[in-house]
Amino acid sequence: MTDTVKEHKRSFYRTEMLPPKPPPPASTGVLGWMRENLFSSWWHTILTFVGLYIIWLIVSFLVQFAIIDAVWSGQDRTACLADGGREIGACWAFIRVWHNKYMFGFYPEDQQWRVLVVYAIGAVLLAFLLIPRAPGKRLVMLLLFVIYPVLAYILLYGMSSLGLPVIETTRWGGLMLTLVIAAVGIVISLPLGILFALGRRSQMPVIRFISIIFIEFWRGVPLITVLFMSSVMLPLFLPEGVTLDKVIRPLVGVALFASAYMAEVVRGGLQAIPKGQYEGAQALGLTYWQMMLLIILPQALKMVIPGIVNTFIGLFKDTSLVSIIGLFDLLGIAQASLADAKWATPVTAPTVYLYLALVYWVFCFGMSRYSIFMENYLHTGHKR
């Protein structure tokens, strides 16, 4: 065989792999996602178009009502009344007039800077705490959970010796009161829930019995009943001459109520930990609390992040129930504002409840998105 023929044959041998070809455009990107999730079958295609039609009806109505036909300025109800056959949308002029009350309740206007300072300090500390790799976490936790509550109470309630006029809690209201109740409930319910979850799994019969009674009692009573009991019945069990602030009563009830649900969420995480983790910790000679704090609880809490945040979201929304015991939280102020005859129109109530829905949604959606971020950061499941 000649050298020319040998060289010709060698030219058909591949000495290196070819680069992989890109997938078909129809299976990647937006088109691929739509084909896989929305139009994978004739039944999914029908459901997709029906869903898009329903979304279009809702969104088009909300845009028309809340933006296009909305009234943005005015001095009284005449601005939000239909005239000449023109459709009137949301009466945002009413929200602008009452916005200060929605935010601060009956807190004096010249002292509202104190509330804003509390908001600002809390937001900065919370931001540092929620950033996973932020430096100085221990110092921030000390400031947020020990020093900040005292500072917030002094600023909100006042102290004459510091030149801050005393503002009675009966004048607290609006979003400010909602955040106070939700924040206190969230901060107290998590550690209490962890303790009662550990107590329910304890080997000591007395501790386990007390934990079971506490959890089942609070889970078996509606929150409305708890609020009524804390507001009406709790003062009857106090010693003579001892009074409890009207805001502190529901704070105690809400915190205890939420801690019972939190305990069951945490207990679910504890039960999901393999037995080998407990045995390995005991083999290392760790004490019970060292085992829980260093090995078991970090894994359990990481696995139940969705349940914990779900409890927080439910607690935040349940704060609206305090309006039934005479506290003017955000919902209570909103309902009180509807009695303003100066702004009585057919669109006033829908506008107020749309505004409330947006406020609650912003806070709850923010907690939900942070929960997903932490799940992905800690690799507790597949990324969304």
Protein backbone atom coordinates (compact mmCIF):
# COMPACT_ATOMS: atom_id res chain seq x y z
CA MET A 1 0.00 0.00 0.00
CA THR A 2 1.41 3.32 -1.02
CA ASP A 3 2.07 6.17 1.36
CA THR A 4 -0.62 8.21 -0.38
CA VAL A 5 -3.30 5.59 0.30
CA LYS A 6 -2.19 5.23 3.96
CA GLU A 7 -2.34 8.97 4.45
CA HIS A 8 -5.79 9.05 2.85
CA LYS A 9 -7.06 6.39 5.26
CA ARG A 10 -5.60 8.13 8.28
CA SER A 11 -7.53 11.27 7.34
CA PHE A 12 -10.78 9.52 8.28
CA TYR A 13 -9.67 8.90 11.89
CA ARG A 14 -10.77 11.55 14.44
CA THR A 15 -8.07 12.53 16.87
CA GLU A 16 -10.23 14.72 19.16
CA MET A 17 -13.88 14.96 20.17
CA LEU A 18 -16.13 17.44 18.45
CA PRO A 19 -17.79 20.07 20.70
CA PRO A 20 -21.37 19.17 21.72
CA LYS A 21 -24.10 20.67 19.61
CA PRO A 22 -26.54 23.03 21.30
CA PRO A 23 -30.01 21.65 22.10
CA PRO A 24 -32.89 22.55 19.79
CA PRO A 25 -34.18 26.10 20.38
CA ALA A 26 -37.69 24.76 21.03
CA SER A 27 -36.46 22.89 24.14
CA THR A 28 -34.52 25.69 25.84
CA GLY A 29 -35.19 29.19 27.11
CA VAL A 30 -38.67 30.65 27.37
CA LEU A 31 -40.04 28.57 24.52
CA GLY A 32 -38.76 25.36 26.09
CA TRP A 33 -40.22 26.24 29.48
CA MET A 34 -43.59 27.08 27.93
CA ARG A 35 -43.63 23.88 25.91
CA GLU A 36 -42.81 21.76 28.95
CA ASN A 37 -45.02 23.47 31.55
CA LEU A 38 -47.90 25.10 29.64
CA PHE A 39 -48.39 23.23 26.37
CA SER A 40 -47.11 19.72 27.06
CA SER A 41 -50.50 18.17 26.16
CA TRP A 42 -53.86 19.20 24.75
CA TRP A 43 -55.36 19.21 28.27
CA HIS A 44 -52.59 21.46 29.63
CA THR A 45 -53.03 23.74 26.62
CA ILE A 46 -56.75 24.18 27.34
CA LEU A 47 -56.06 24.86 31.03
CA THR A 48 -53.38 27.37 30.08
CA PHE A 49 -55.70 29.38 27.86
CA VAL A 50 -58.52 29.26 30.43
CA GLY A 51 -56.11 30.43 33.14
CA LEU A 52 -54.76 33.22 30.95
CA TYR A 53 -58.31 34.38 30.25
CA ILE A 54 -59.18 34.47 33.97
CA ILE A 55 -55.95 36.35 34.73
CA TRP A 56 -56.73 38.82 31.96
CA LEU A 57 -60.20 39.49 33.39
CA ILE A 58 -58.86 40.08 36.91
CA VAL A 59 -55.83 42.15 35.91
CA SER A 60 -57.74 44.29 33.42
CA PHE A 61 -60.42 45.03 36.02
CA LEU A 62 -57.85 45.92 38.69
CA VAL A 63 -55.89 48.17 36.31
CA GLN A 64 -59.07 49.89 35.21
CA PHE A 65 -60.33 50.32 38.78
CA ALA A 66 -57.07 51.11 40.59
CA ILE A 67 -55.26 53.21 37.98
CA ILE A 68 -57.17 54.32 34.89
CA ASP A 69 -60.47 55.35 36.50
CA ALA A 70 -58.98 56.15 39.92
CA VAL A 71 -59.35 59.51 41.66
CA TRP A 72 -56.05 60.71 43.07
CA SER A 73 -56.93 64.05 44.65
CA GLY A 74 -59.93 65.65 46.30
CA GLN A 75 -61.22 67.26 49.46
CA ASP A 76 -64.42 65.27 50.10
CA ARG A 77 -66.75 62.62 48.72
CA THR A 78 -67.79 64.69 45.72
CA ALA A 79 -64.45 63.90 44.06
CA CYS A 80 -65.23 60.18 44.15
CA LEU A 81 -68.86 60.29 43.00
CA ALA A 82 -69.78 59.40 39.44
CA ASP A 83 -71.06 62.32 37.42
CA GLY A 84 -72.27 62.44 33.85
CA GLY A 85 -72.18 58.67 33.50
CA ARG A 86 -68.40 58.51 34.00
CA GLU A 87 -67.16 55.41 35.81
CA ILE A 88 -65.30 56.11 39.02
CA GLY A 89 -62.50 53.82 40.13
CA ALA A 90 -60.52 53.69 43.36
CA CYS A 91 -60.79 56.72 45.61
CA TRP A 92 -57.11 57.15 46.43
CA ALA A 93 -57.84 60.70 47.55
CA PHE A 94 -59.50 59.20 50.63
CA ILE A 95 -56.41 57.08 51.33
CA ARG A 96 -54.20 60.17 51.07
CA VAL A 97 -56.32 61.99 53.65
CA TRP A 98 -56.30 59.05 56.08
CA HIS A 99 -52.81 57.77 55.30
CA ASN A 100 -51.24 59.31 58.41
CA LYS A 101 -53.79 57.57 60.63
CA TYR A 102 -53.22 54.27 58.83
CA MET A 103 -49.51 54.49 59.54
CA PHE A 104 -49.45 55.86 63.12
CA GLY A 105 -52.96 55.58 64.51
CA PHE A 106 -53.68 58.41 66.96
CA TYR A 107 -50.02 59.03 67.74
CA PRO A 108 -49.41 62.82 67.99
CA GLU A 109 -48.12 64.19 64.69
CA ASP A 110 -45.33 66.19 66.30
CA GLN A 111 -44.00 62.98 67.94
CA GLN A 112 -44.24 60.66 64.95
CA TRP A 113 -40.54 61.08 64.30
CA ARG A 114 -40.00 58.72 67.22
CA VAL A 115 -41.84 55.95 65.38
CA LEU A 116 -39.79 56.60 62.24
CA VAL A 117 -36.56 56.37 64.25
CA VAL A 118 -37.68 53.01 65.67
CA TYR A 119 -38.49 51.82 62.13
CA ALA A 120 -35.11 52.95 60.80
CA ILE A 121 -33.04 51.38 63.59
CA GLY A 122 -34.99 48.14 63.42
CA ALA A 123 -34.69 47.95 59.62
CA VAL A 124 -30.91 48.45 59.72
CA LEU A 125 -30.35 45.85 62.45
CA LEU A 126 -32.69 43.37 60.80
CA ALA A 127 -31.00 43.83 57.43
CA PHE A 128 -27.60 43.03 58.95
CA LEU A 129 -29.04 39.99 60.70
CA LEU A 130 -30.74 38.60 57.58
CA ILE A 131 -27.68 38.94 55.34
CA PRO A 132 -26.00 35.51 55.64
CA ARG A 133 -22.39 36.68 55.39
CA ALA A 134 -22.73 40.00 57.18
CA PRO A 135 -19.97 40.55 59.79
CA GLY A 136 -20.61 40.96 63.51
CA LYS A 137 -23.69 38.73 63.75
CA ARG A 138 -23.35 38.24 67.51
CA LEU A 139 -23.15 41.95 68.17
CA VAL A 140 -26.14 42.57 65.91
CA MET A 141 -28.17 39.89 67.71
CA LEU A 142 -27.29 41.47 71.06
CA LEU A 143 -28.38 44.87 69.82
CA LEU A 144 -31.56 43.62 68.12
CA PHE A 145 -32.90 41.29 70.80
CA VAL A 146 -31.65 42.93 74.01
CA ILE A 147 -30.95 46.63 73.56
CA TYR A 148 -33.32 47.48 70.70
CA PRO A 149 -36.57 46.40 72.49
CA VAL A 150 -35.72 48.65 75.46
CA LEU A 151 -34.82 51.55 73.18
CA ALA A 152 -37.97 51.04 71.09
CA TYR A 153 -40.17 51.02 74.19
CA ILE A 154 -38.59 54.21 75.50
CA LEU A 155 -39.01 55.95 72.15
CA LEU A 156 -42.57 54.77 71.51
CA TYR A 157 -43.95 55.09 75.03
CA GLY A 158 -41.80 57.99 76.15
CA MET A 159 -39.87 58.98 79.25
CA SER A 160 -40.32 62.43 80.79
CA SER A 161 -36.82 62.44 82.28
CA LEU A 162 -35.38 62.20 78.76
CA GLY A 163 -37.62 64.91 77.36
CA LEU A 164 -39.89 62.44 75.57
CA PRO A 165 -43.59 63.00 76.37
CA VAL A 166 -45.42 59.85 77.45
CA ILE A 167 -47.76 58.53 74.72
CA GLU A 168 -50.25 56.09 76.20
CA THR A 169 -50.66 52.79 74.34
CA THR A 170 -54.35 53.63 73.83
CA ARG A 171 -53.17 56.12 71.21
CA TRP A 172 -51.03 53.58 69.38
CA GLY A 173 -52.55 52.24 66.21
CA GLY A 174 -52.34 51.65 62.48
CA LEU A 175 -49.44 49.85 60.88
CA MET A 176 -47.28 50.79 63.85
CA LEU A 177 -49.37 48.68 66.24
CA THR A 178 -49.60 45.83 63.72
CA LEU A 179 -45.81 45.68 63.45
CA VAL A 180 -45.37 45.84 67.24
CA ILE A 181 -47.72 42.90 67.83
CA ALA A 182 -46.30 40.87 64.94
CA ALA A 183 -42.66 41.53 65.88
CA VAL A 184 -43.16 40.64 69.55
CA GLY A 185 -45.13 37.52 68.63
CA ILE A 186 -42.49 36.35 66.15
CA VAL A 187 -39.53 37.01 68.45
CA ILE A 188 -41.12 35.24 71.43
CA SER A 189 -42.83 32.35 69.61
CA LEU A 190 -39.69 30.89 68.01
CA PRO A 191 -37.61 30.26 71.17
CA LEU A 192 -40.70 29.22 73.13
CA GLY A 193 -41.73 26.88 70.35
CA ILE A 194 -38.27 25.29 70.29
CA LEU A 195 -38.34 24.74 74.06
CA PHE A 196 -41.81 23.15 74.01
CA ALA A 197 -40.86 20.99 71.02
CA LEU A 198 -37.86 19.69 72.95
CA GLY A 199 -40.05 19.29 76.01
CA ARG A 200 -42.58 17.20 74.12
CA ARG A 201 -39.78 14.82 73.04
CA SER A 202 -38.17 14.79 76.48
CA GLN A 203 -37.61 11.54 78.37
CA MET A 204 -38.77 13.21 81.61
CA PRO A 205 -42.50 12.50 82.04
CA VAL A 206 -43.32 15.74 83.89
CA ILE A 207 -41.65 17.95 81.27
CA ARG A 208 -43.26 16.00 78.44
CA PHE A 209 -46.71 16.14 80.08
CA ILE A 210 -46.52 19.91 80.66
CA SER A 211 -45.39 20.50 77.07
CA ILE A 212 -48.17 18.34 75.63
CA ILE A 213 -50.83 20.08 77.74
CA PHE A 214 -49.56 23.52 76.71
CA ILE A 215 -49.38 22.73 72.99
CA GLU A 216 -52.72 20.94 72.76
CA PHE A 217 -54.51 23.58 74.81
CA TRP A 218 -53.41 26.54 72.70
CA ARG A 219 -53.87 24.66 69.43
CA GLY A 220 -57.39 23.70 70.44
CA VAL A 221 -58.57 27.26 71.18
CA PRO A 222 -59.40 29.81 68.46
CA LEU A 223 -57.26 32.95 68.44
CA ILE A 224 -60.35 35.13 68.81
CA THR A 225 -61.13 33.36 72.07
CA VAL A 226 -57.54 33.82 73.20
CA LEU A 227 -57.72 37.55 72.51
CA PHE A 228 -61.00 37.90 74.40
CA MET A 229 -59.63 35.95 77.33
CA SER A 230 -56.41 37.97 77.44
CA SER A 231 -58.31 41.24 77.26
CA VAL A 232 -61.24 40.48 79.59
CA MET A 233 -60.34 37.50 81.79
CA LEU A 234 -56.60 37.93 82.34
CA PRO A 235 -56.95 41.06 84.52
CA LEU A 236 -59.26 39.08 86.84
CA PHE A 237 -56.43 36.68 87.73
CA LEU A 238 -54.02 39.44 88.67
CA PRO A 239 -53.55 40.57 92.29
CA GLU A 240 -55.67 43.44 93.48
CA GLY A 241 -54.27 46.79 92.42
CA VAL A 242 -52.17 45.28 89.62
CA THR A 243 -53.17 46.31 86.11
CA LEU A 244 -51.89 45.13 82.78
CA ASP A 245 -51.57 47.45 79.81
CA LYS A 246 -54.24 47.03 77.15
CA VAL A 247 -51.64 46.33 74.45
CA ILE A 248 -49.58 43.89 76.53
CA ARG A 249 -52.60 41.61 77.06
CA PRO A 250 -53.00 40.58 73.40
CA LEU A 251 -49.22 40.46 73.05
CA VAL A 252 -49.10 37.71 75.66
CA GLY A 253 -52.00 35.83 74.07
CA VAL A 254 -50.66 36.05 70.53
CA ALA A 255 -47.15 34.99 71.58
CA LEU A 256 -48.36 31.93 73.50
CA PHE A 257 -50.78 30.98 70.72
CA ALA A 258 -48.10 31.18 68.02
CA SER A 259 -45.52 29.34 70.13
CA ALA A 260 -47.78 26.25 70.30
CA TYR A 261 -47.95 26.06 66.50
CA MET A 262 -44.24 26.77 66.24
CA ALA A 263 -43.52 23.91 68.62
CA GLU A 264 -45.22 21.43 66.30
CA VAL A 265 -43.34 22.76 63.30
CA VAL A 266 -40.01 22.37 65.10
CA ARG A 267 -40.98 18.93 66.40
CA GLY A 268 -41.54 17.83 62.82
CA GLY A 269 -37.98 18.85 62.00
CA LEU A 270 -36.62 17.03 65.06
CA GLN A 271 -38.39 13.83 64.07
CA ALA A 272 -36.94 14.04 60.56
CA ILE A 273 -33.35 13.90 61.85
CA PRO A 274 -31.92 10.37 61.42
CA LYS A 275 -31.28 8.43 64.62
CA GLY A 276 -27.62 8.14 63.69
CA GLN A 277 -27.15 11.87 64.27
CA TYR A 278 -28.22 11.46 67.90
CA GLU A 279 -26.08 8.36 68.36
CA GLY A 280 -23.06 10.02 66.76
CA ALA A 281 -23.36 13.04 69.04
CA GLN A 282 -23.67 10.82 72.11
CA ALA A 283 -20.67 8.80 70.96
CA LEU A 284 -18.62 11.98 70.93
CA GLY A 285 -19.48 12.50 74.60
CA LEU A 286 -21.62 15.59 74.07
CA THR A 287 -24.14 16.56 76.71
CA TYR A 288 -27.83 16.84 75.86
CA TRP A 289 -27.75 20.59 75.29
CA GLN A 290 -24.47 20.46 73.37
CA MET A 291 -25.98 17.81 71.10
CA MET A 292 -29.13 19.85 70.52
CA LEU A 293 -27.48 23.24 70.04
CA LEU A 294 -24.53 22.10 67.92
CA ILE A 295 -25.87 19.17 65.88
CA ILE A 296 -29.61 18.46 66.03
CA LEU A 297 -31.31 21.87 66.10
CA PRO A 298 -29.28 23.44 63.26
CA GLN A 299 -30.31 20.58 60.96
CA ALA A 300 -33.91 20.47 62.17
CA LEU A 301 -34.49 24.22 61.86
CA LYS A 302 -32.92 24.23 58.40
CA MET A 303 -35.35 21.57 57.23
CA VAL A 304 -38.46 23.34 58.54
CA ILE A 305 -37.70 26.85 57.26
CA PRO A 306 -40.89 26.85 55.11
CA GLY A 307 -43.02 25.86 58.10
CA ILE A 308 -41.44 28.46 60.36
CA VAL A 309 -41.92 31.28 57.86
CA ASN A 310 -45.45 30.06 57.16
CA THR A 311 -46.22 30.40 60.88
CA PHE A 312 -44.71 33.89 60.87
CA ILE A 313 -46.87 34.90 57.89
CA GLY A 314 -49.99 33.53 59.56
CA LEU A 315 -49.13 35.39 62.75
CA PHE A 316 -48.64 38.65 60.87
CA LYS A 317 -52.05 38.36 59.23
CA ASP A 318 -53.75 37.23 62.45
CA THR A 319 -52.76 40.49 64.13
CA SER A 320 -55.77 42.00 62.36
CA LEU A 321 -57.99 40.13 64.85
CA VAL A 322 -57.00 42.49 67.66
CA SER A 323 -59.47 45.00 66.21
CA ILE A 324 -62.29 42.98 67.77
CA ILE A 325 -61.03 43.81 71.28
CA GLY A 326 -60.91 47.55 70.65
CA LEU A 327 -57.33 47.99 69.43
CA PHE A 328 -56.96 50.18 66.36
CA ASP A 329 -54.39 48.29 64.36
CA LEU A 330 -54.18 48.77 60.60
CA LEU A 331 -57.47 46.97 59.99
CA GLY A 332 -59.14 48.65 62.96
CA ILE A 333 -58.17 52.13 61.76
CA ALA A 334 -59.33 51.26 58.25
CA GLN A 335 -62.74 50.14 59.49
CA ALA A 336 -63.03 53.25 61.63
CA SER A 337 -62.20 55.45 58.65
CA LEU A 338 -65.13 54.00 56.70
CA ALA A 339 -67.47 55.70 59.17
CA ASP A 340 -66.30 59.11 57.92
CA ALA A 341 -69.49 60.50 56.35
CA LYS A 342 -67.46 63.16 54.55
CA TRP A 343 -66.07 60.41 52.30
CA ALA A 344 -69.07 58.06 52.06
CA THR A 345 -69.11 56.76 48.47
CA PRO A 346 -69.73 53.36 46.83
CA VAL A 347 -66.02 53.01 46.01
CA THR A 348 -64.56 54.04 49.38
CA ALA A 349 -64.78 50.60 51.04
CA PRO A 350 -63.36 48.67 48.02
CA THR A 351 -60.49 51.15 47.84
CA VAL A 352 -59.66 50.75 51.54
CA TYR A 353 -59.69 46.97 51.41
CA LEU A 354 -57.61 46.97 48.23
CA TYR A 355 -55.09 49.19 50.02
CA LEU A 356 -55.03 46.86 53.04
CA ALA A 357 -54.56 43.84 50.79
CA LEU A 358 -51.56 45.49 49.13
CA VAL A 359 -49.94 46.36 52.47
CA TYR A 360 -50.38 42.86 53.91
CA TRP A 361 -49.26 41.28 50.65
CA VAL A 362 -46.03 43.28 50.55
CA PHE A 363 -44.99 42.13 54.02
CA CYS A 364 -46.07 38.51 53.57
CA PHE A 365 -44.54 38.23 50.10
CA GLY A 366 -41.28 39.65 51.44
CA MET A 367 -41.13 36.99 54.16
CA SER A 368 -41.95 34.29 51.64
CA ARG A 369 -39.20 35.33 49.22
CA TYR A 370 -36.63 35.49 52.02
CA SER A 371 -37.66 31.99 53.05
CA ILE A 372 -36.97 30.71 49.52
CA PHE A 373 -33.64 32.56 49.49
CA MET A 374 -32.56 30.90 52.73
CA GLU A 375 -33.67 27.47 51.51
CA ASN A 376 -31.53 27.84 48.42
CA TYR A 377 -28.63 29.31 50.37
CA LEU A 378 -28.63 26.45 52.87
CA HIS A 379 -29.38 23.85 50.18
CA THR A 380 -32.46 22.50 51.93
CA GLY A 381 -34.09 21.53 48.67
CA HIS A 382 -34.16 22.13 44.95
CA LYS A 383 -33.80 25.70 43.78
CA ARG A 384 -36.88 27.53 42.66
